[in-house]
Amino acid sequence: MTVERQKAIPALDTPGGHETPGTGPSRAGRRRLLLTLQLGTGACALAGGVLLMVAPDGSLLQADPSVLEGTPFADWRMPGILLTILVGGGLLAAGSWQWHRRPHARAVSMLAGLGLIAFEAAELAWIGFQPLEGAFALVGAVIFGLSVLETRP
């Protein structure tokens, strides 16, 4: 692309309409990733939580009930409720807030990322290490980091 052509098509998602090549994902790309992580993780948490509530023995998700021994939970129903409301509802609400660029969307998304990290930390404390805890804590950290970079109202 020629220099003249580059000037004729300003980047829509960078300050001043200019994008510096090689500086990483554009603001629009980071925003898409943030929305994808929030809405995708929120939908998965909602579905997983509902499946735990429907079958509190964990059979629909192949969740071993013996993992709950020594925890405050007799079965998977309450963890399912918490997963549905806190993680699923929280991330879907934050993603919607971000999608519609509502006031304080950045702060809501940051809170959702930190909330996911806190949920995984509580899960670690209650039921011990499970491989997905680390993965979802990382997702929460990425959501938080992308939210910090999100500057549009």
Protein backbone atom coordinates (compact mmCIF):
# COMPACT_ATOMS: atom_id res chain seq x y z
CA MET A 1 0.00 0.00 0.00
CA THR A 2 1.40 3.38 -0.92
CA VAL A 3 1.93 6.18 1.56
CA GLU A 4 -0.78 8.21 -0.16
CA ARG A 5 -3.23 5.31 0.16
CA GLN A 6 -2.36 4.86 3.84
CA LYS A 7 -3.13 8.52 4.51
CA ALA A 8 -6.44 8.24 2.65
CA ILE A 9 -7.65 5.42 4.94
CA PRO A 10 -7.08 6.51 8.55
CA ALA A 11 -7.33 3.89 11.26
CA LEU A 12 -10.66 4.40 12.98
CA ASP A 13 -9.63 3.03 16.33
CA THR A 14 -6.45 4.94 17.11
CA PRO A 15 -5.97 8.48 18.45
CA GLY A 16 -5.63 10.93 15.60
CA GLY A 17 -6.60 8.26 13.09
CA HIS A 18 -3.06 6.87 12.73
CA GLU A 19 -1.88 3.39 13.56
CA THR A 20 1.76 2.63 14.09
CA PRO A 21 2.73 -0.63 12.35
CA GLY A 22 4.16 -3.31 14.62
CA THR A 23 2.69 -1.96 17.86
CA GLY A 24 0.44 -4.94 18.51
CA PRO A 25 -3.31 -5.37 18.19
CA SER A 26 -5.37 -2.32 17.39
CA ARG A 27 -7.80 -0.87 19.88
CA ALA A 28 -10.66 -2.44 17.91
CA GLY A 29 -8.91 -5.83 17.99
CA ARG A 30 -8.37 -5.63 21.75
CA ARG A 31 -12.00 -4.62 22.24
CA ARG A 32 -13.20 -7.57 20.14
CA LEU A 33 -11.03 -9.92 22.18
CA LEU A 34 -12.35 -8.42 25.44
CA LEU A 35 -15.95 -8.83 24.29
CA THR A 36 -15.30 -12.37 23.06
CA LEU A 37 -13.72 -13.41 26.37
CA GLN A 38 -16.46 -11.81 28.47
CA LEU A 39 -19.41 -13.06 26.46
CA GLY A 40 -17.93 -16.48 25.65
CA THR A 41 -16.75 -17.21 29.18
CA GLY A 42 -19.99 -15.83 30.62
CA ALA A 43 -22.10 -18.06 28.34
CA CYS A 44 -20.01 -21.13 29.22
CA ALA A 45 -20.26 -20.38 32.94
CA LEU A 46 -24.01 -19.89 32.65
CA ALA A 47 -24.41 -23.21 30.81
CA GLY A 48 -22.11 -25.07 33.22
CA GLY A 49 -23.85 -23.62 36.25
CA VAL A 50 -27.27 -24.59 34.95
CA LEU A 51 -26.08 -28.13 34.24
CA LEU A 52 -24.75 -28.40 37.81
CA MET A 53 -28.09 -27.18 39.18
CA VAL A 54 -30.11 -29.57 36.99
CA ALA A 55 -27.96 -32.56 38.00
CA PRO A 56 -26.37 -31.73 41.36
CA ASP A 57 -24.58 -35.08 41.37
CA GLY A 58 -22.35 -33.58 38.66
CA SER A 59 -23.20 -36.29 36.14
CA LEU A 60 -23.96 -33.92 33.23
CA LEU A 61 -20.48 -32.39 33.47
CA GLN A 62 -18.74 -35.48 34.78
CA ALA A 63 -17.92 -33.53 37.95
CA ASP A 64 -16.83 -35.92 40.67
CA PRO A 65 -18.96 -35.45 43.84
CA SER A 66 -16.09 -36.75 46.00
CA VAL A 67 -14.23 -33.50 45.22
CA LEU A 68 -16.77 -31.76 47.48
CA GLU A 69 -15.87 -33.78 50.58
CA GLY A 70 -14.71 -31.45 53.34
CA THR A 71 -16.22 -28.41 51.63
CA PRO A 72 -19.31 -26.40 52.62
CA PHE A 73 -21.19 -28.10 49.75
CA ALA A 74 -23.15 -31.35 49.96
CA ASP A 75 -23.58 -31.51 46.17
CA TRP A 76 -22.93 -29.39 43.07
CA ARG A 77 -26.19 -27.37 43.27
CA MET A 78 -24.83 -24.38 45.23
CA PRO A 79 -21.56 -24.20 43.25
CA GLY A 80 -23.77 -24.25 40.13
CA ILE A 81 -25.88 -21.38 41.44
CA LEU A 82 -22.75 -19.38 42.29
CA LEU A 83 -21.20 -20.13 38.90
CA THR A 84 -24.38 -19.14 37.08
CA ILE A 85 -24.99 -15.90 38.94
CA LEU A 86 -21.52 -14.61 39.78
CA VAL A 87 -19.45 -15.72 36.82
CA GLY A 88 -22.04 -16.23 34.08
CA GLY A 89 -24.24 -13.29 34.99
CA GLY A 90 -21.33 -11.04 35.88
CA LEU A 91 -19.38 -11.60 32.68
CA LEU A 92 -22.46 -11.45 30.44
CA ALA A 93 -23.53 -8.19 32.10
CA ALA A 94 -20.03 -6.73 31.77
CA GLY A 95 -19.81 -7.83 28.14
CA SER A 96 -23.18 -6.27 27.38
CA TRP A 97 -22.17 -3.08 29.19
CA GLN A 98 -18.95 -2.98 27.15
CA TRP A 99 -20.74 -3.87 23.87
CA HIS A 100 -23.11 -0.91 24.27
CA ARG A 101 -20.29 1.38 25.48
CA ARG A 102 -22.28 2.36 28.54
CA PRO A 103 -20.83 4.71 31.14
CA HIS A 104 -18.13 3.11 33.30
CA ALA A 105 -17.92 0.07 30.98
CA ARG A 106 -14.18 -0.05 31.53
CA ALA A 107 -14.58 -0.24 35.32
CA VAL A 108 -17.36 -2.85 35.03
CA SER A 109 -15.14 -5.00 32.80
CA MET A 110 -12.18 -4.61 35.17
CA LEU A 111 -14.41 -5.68 38.06
CA ALA A 112 -15.64 -8.70 36.06
CA GLY A 113 -12.06 -9.80 35.39
CA LEU A 114 -11.10 -9.43 39.05
CA GLY A 115 -14.34 -11.20 40.03
CA LEU A 116 -13.42 -14.20 37.89
CA ILE A 117 -9.97 -14.34 39.50
CA ALA A 118 -11.56 -14.12 42.97
CA PHE A 119 -14.07 -16.86 42.11
CA GLU A 120 -11.28 -19.17 41.01
CA ALA A 121 -9.27 -18.37 44.16
CA ALA A 122 -12.31 -19.23 46.32
CA GLU A 123 -12.80 -22.43 44.34
CA LEU A 124 -9.16 -23.32 44.93
CA ALA A 125 -9.57 -22.72 48.66
CA TRP A 126 -12.82 -24.72 48.89
CA ILE A 127 -12.23 -27.72 46.66
CA GLY A 128 -8.51 -27.73 45.98
CA PHE A 129 -6.69 -27.49 42.71
CA GLN A 130 -8.58 -28.24 39.52
CA PRO A 131 -6.83 -27.66 36.16
CA LEU A 132 -9.50 -25.29 34.83
CA GLU A 133 -9.04 -22.94 37.80
CA GLY A 134 -5.70 -21.76 36.50
CA ALA A 135 -7.01 -21.39 32.97
CA PHE A 136 -10.01 -19.32 34.04
CA ALA A 137 -7.94 -17.24 36.46
CA LEU A 138 -5.74 -16.44 33.46
CA VAL A 139 -8.83 -15.51 31.43
CA GLY A 140 -9.84 -13.19 34.28
CA ALA A 141 -6.38 -11.60 34.24
CA VAL A 142 -6.57 -11.08 30.47
CA ILE A 143 -10.06 -9.54 30.81
CA PHE A 144 -8.72 -7.22 33.49
CA GLY A 145 -5.67 -6.28 31.40
CA LEU A 146 -7.71 -5.62 28.26
CA SER A 147 -10.15 -3.58 30.32
CA VAL A 148 -7.33 -1.41 31.62
CA LEU A 149 -6.37 -0.68 28.00
CA GLU A 150 -9.97 0.10 26.99
CA THR A 151 -10.28 3.88 26.98
CA ARG A 152 -13.51 4.61 25.15
CA PRO A 153 -16.52 5.51 27.29
